[in-house]
């Protein structure tokens, strides 16, 4: 697997649970951004609603992060750049709390609940472990590449 230009038509990005510098979603976003820049993002989209949660928390613009990725920076270099551009500045406990909240986050309104339930049904209605958005993303990645829910 080429991590500098992942082919998301052949495998999913990293799980949203994987952390970089304490941030959930960041490794997944980097995979999606690198794949999009290489024209191999498949059904995955950089700057999707989940990614926008990261951008809202960090105060970083999607385009600014994309520029750093396009410059060929590795995960560690990107993390250093993110830390230098946080607005407002975030402490380690704040980052940990946000990441924990994101891991537990599920639909919080009727429209999102309806969409979530439809996706849950599609992936496997009998799966009682699909409760959060991250559960749903992990299950969708698994099923999209041949797994059985």
Protein backbone atom coordinates (compact mmCIF):
# COMPACT_ATOMS: atom_id res chain seq x y z
CA UNK A 1 0.00 0.00 0.00
CA UNK A 2 1.29 3.43 -0.93
CA UNK A 3 0.52 5.74 2.00
CA UNK A 4 1.72 8.84 0.15
CA UNK A 5 -1.03 8.33 -2.47
CA UNK A 6 -3.48 5.71 -1.19
CA UNK A 7 -5.83 4.09 -3.69
CA UNK A 8 -9.22 4.20 -2.01
CA UNK A 9 -10.76 2.27 -4.88
CA UNK A 10 -8.81 -0.74 -3.54
CA UNK A 11 -9.01 -0.29 0.23
CA UNK A 12 -10.65 2.05 2.74
CA UNK A 13 -8.92 4.93 4.47
CA UNK A 14 -7.83 4.49 8.06
CA UNK A 15 -10.60 4.15 10.62
CA UNK A 16 -11.97 7.42 12.01
CA UNK A 17 -10.89 6.11 15.43
CA UNK A 18 -7.17 6.14 14.53
CA UNK A 19 -5.50 9.13 16.16
CA UNK A 20 -2.64 11.39 15.21
CA UNK A 21 -1.48 13.71 17.96
CA UNK A 22 -4.64 12.85 19.86
CA UNK A 23 -6.95 13.87 16.99
CA UNK A 24 -9.44 11.30 15.75
CA UNK A 25 -10.32 11.64 12.04
CA UNK A 26 -7.04 13.31 11.07
CA UNK A 27 -5.34 10.17 9.66
CA UNK A 28 -8.52 9.26 7.74
CA UNK A 29 -8.76 12.80 6.35
CA UNK A 30 -5.13 12.68 5.23
CA UNK A 31 -5.76 9.38 3.43
CA UNK A 32 -8.80 10.84 1.68
CA UNK A 33 -7.00 14.06 0.75
CA UNK A 34 -3.94 12.23 -0.61
CA UNK A 35 -6.16 9.87 -2.59
CA UNK A 36 -8.22 12.76 -4.00
CA UNK A 37 -5.06 14.59 -5.06
CA UNK A 38 -3.96 11.41 -6.87
CA UNK A 39 -7.42 10.92 -8.42
CA UNK A 40 -7.95 7.65 -6.53
CA UNK A 41 -10.47 8.58 -3.85
CA UNK A 42 -13.28 6.34 -5.13
CA UNK A 43 -16.44 6.97 -3.11
CA UNK A 44 -14.56 8.84 -0.36
CA UNK A 45 -14.72 12.63 -0.10
CA UNK A 46 -12.28 14.99 1.57
CA UNK A 47 -14.01 17.81 3.49
CA UNK A 48 -17.14 15.72 4.13
CA UNK A 49 -19.38 16.49 7.16
CA UNK A 50 -17.17 14.41 9.49
CA UNK A 51 -14.06 16.22 8.29
CA UNK A 52 -15.84 19.51 8.84
CA UNK A 53 -16.16 18.64 12.54
CA UNK A 54 -12.35 18.55 12.68
CA UNK A 55 -12.05 21.85 10.82
CA UNK A 56 -14.59 23.50 13.13
CA UNK A 57 -12.72 22.32 16.24
CA UNK A 58 -9.26 23.29 14.98
CA UNK A 59 -10.16 26.49 13.16
CA UNK A 60 -8.19 25.24 10.14
CA UNK A 61 -9.60 25.60 6.63
CA UNK A 62 -9.92 22.48 4.47
CA UNK A 63 -8.08 24.19 1.62
CA UNK A 64 -5.16 25.16 3.85
CA UNK A 65 -4.74 21.57 5.03
CA UNK A 66 -5.06 20.33 1.43
CA UNK A 67 -2.16 22.64 0.45
CA UNK A 68 0.04 21.06 3.12
CA UNK A 69 -0.85 17.56 1.94
CA UNK A 70 -0.26 18.55 -1.70
CA UNK A 71 3.22 19.74 -0.72
CA UNK A 72 4.04 16.10 0.06
CA UNK A 73 4.26 16.37 3.83
CA UNK A 74 4.05 13.20 5.92
CA UNK A 75 1.68 12.61 8.82
CA UNK A 76 4.11 13.95 11.44
CA UNK A 77 4.84 17.11 9.45
CA UNK A 78 1.12 17.66 8.97
CA UNK A 79 0.52 17.21 12.69
CA UNK A 80 3.20 19.78 13.50
CA UNK A 81 1.56 22.17 11.03
CA UNK A 82 -1.90 21.55 12.54
CA UNK A 83 -0.59 22.24 16.05
CA UNK A 84 1.01 25.48 14.86
CA UNK A 85 -2.23 26.65 13.21
CA UNK A 86 -4.87 25.74 15.80
CA UNK A 87 -7.28 28.60 16.30
CA UNK A 88 -8.08 28.77 19.08
CA UNK A 89 -5.08 27.01 20.58
CA UNK A 90 -6.20 23.68 22.04
CA UNK A 91 -4.70 21.91 25.03
CA UNK A 92 -4.03 18.17 25.13
CA UNK A 93 -7.01 17.61 27.47
CA UNK A 94 -9.27 19.59 25.10
CA UNK A 95 -8.11 17.51 22.14
CA UNK A 96 -8.62 14.29 24.10
CA UNK A 97 -12.11 15.39 25.20
CA UNK A 98 -13.10 16.36 21.66
CA UNK A 99 -11.81 13.07 20.27
CA UNK A 100 -13.69 11.09 22.93
CA UNK A 101 -16.86 13.05 22.15
CA UNK A 102 -16.44 12.38 18.43
CA UNK A 103 -16.02 8.65 19.11
CA UNK A 104 -19.33 8.60 21.02
CA UNK A 105 -21.23 10.92 18.69
CA UNK A 106 -24.41 9.72 17.05
CA UNK A 107 -27.36 11.36 15.33
CA UNK A 108 -28.88 14.15 17.41
CA UNK A 109 -31.91 15.16 15.36
CA UNK A 110 -34.74 13.36 13.53
CA UNK A 111 -33.36 13.95 10.02
CA UNK A 112 -29.91 12.61 10.89
CA UNK A 113 -31.47 9.72 12.82
CA UNK A 114 -33.57 8.77 9.78
CA UNK A 115 -30.50 8.78 7.51
CA UNK A 116 -28.43 6.86 10.09
CA UNK A 117 -31.14 4.22 10.51
CA UNK A 118 -31.37 3.75 6.75
CA UNK A 119 -27.61 3.23 6.50
CA UNK A 120 -27.69 0.88 9.49
CA UNK A 121 -30.44 -1.12 7.79
CA UNK A 122 -28.39 -1.29 4.57
CA UNK A 123 -25.29 -2.49 6.38
CA UNK A 124 -27.00 -5.01 8.63
CA UNK A 125 -30.08 -4.36 10.72
CA UNK A 126 -29.14 -7.14 13.14
CA UNK A 127 -25.91 -5.34 14.09
CA UNK A 128 -26.64 -3.95 17.55
CA UNK A 129 -23.09 -2.57 17.81
CA UNK A 130 -23.68 0.20 15.23
CA UNK A 131 -24.56 3.09 17.51
CA UNK A 132 -22.20 5.96 16.66
CA UNK A 133 -21.13 7.61 13.43
CA UNK A 134 -17.71 5.98 13.80
CA UNK A 135 -19.37 2.56 14.17
CA UNK A 136 -21.27 3.26 10.97
CA UNK A 137 -18.17 4.44 9.08
CA UNK A 138 -16.17 1.38 10.14
CA UNK A 139 -18.98 -0.99 9.16
CA UNK A 140 -19.47 0.78 5.83
CA UNK A 141 -15.74 0.56 5.04
CA UNK A 142 -15.78 -3.15 5.86
CA UNK A 143 -18.84 -3.93 3.74
CA UNK A 144 -17.69 -1.71 0.85
CA UNK A 145 -14.62 -3.90 0.38
CA UNK A 146 -16.32 -7.27 0.54
CA UNK A 147 -16.93 -7.85 4.24
CA UNK A 148 -20.18 -9.29 5.49
CA UNK A 149 -22.00 -7.28 8.12
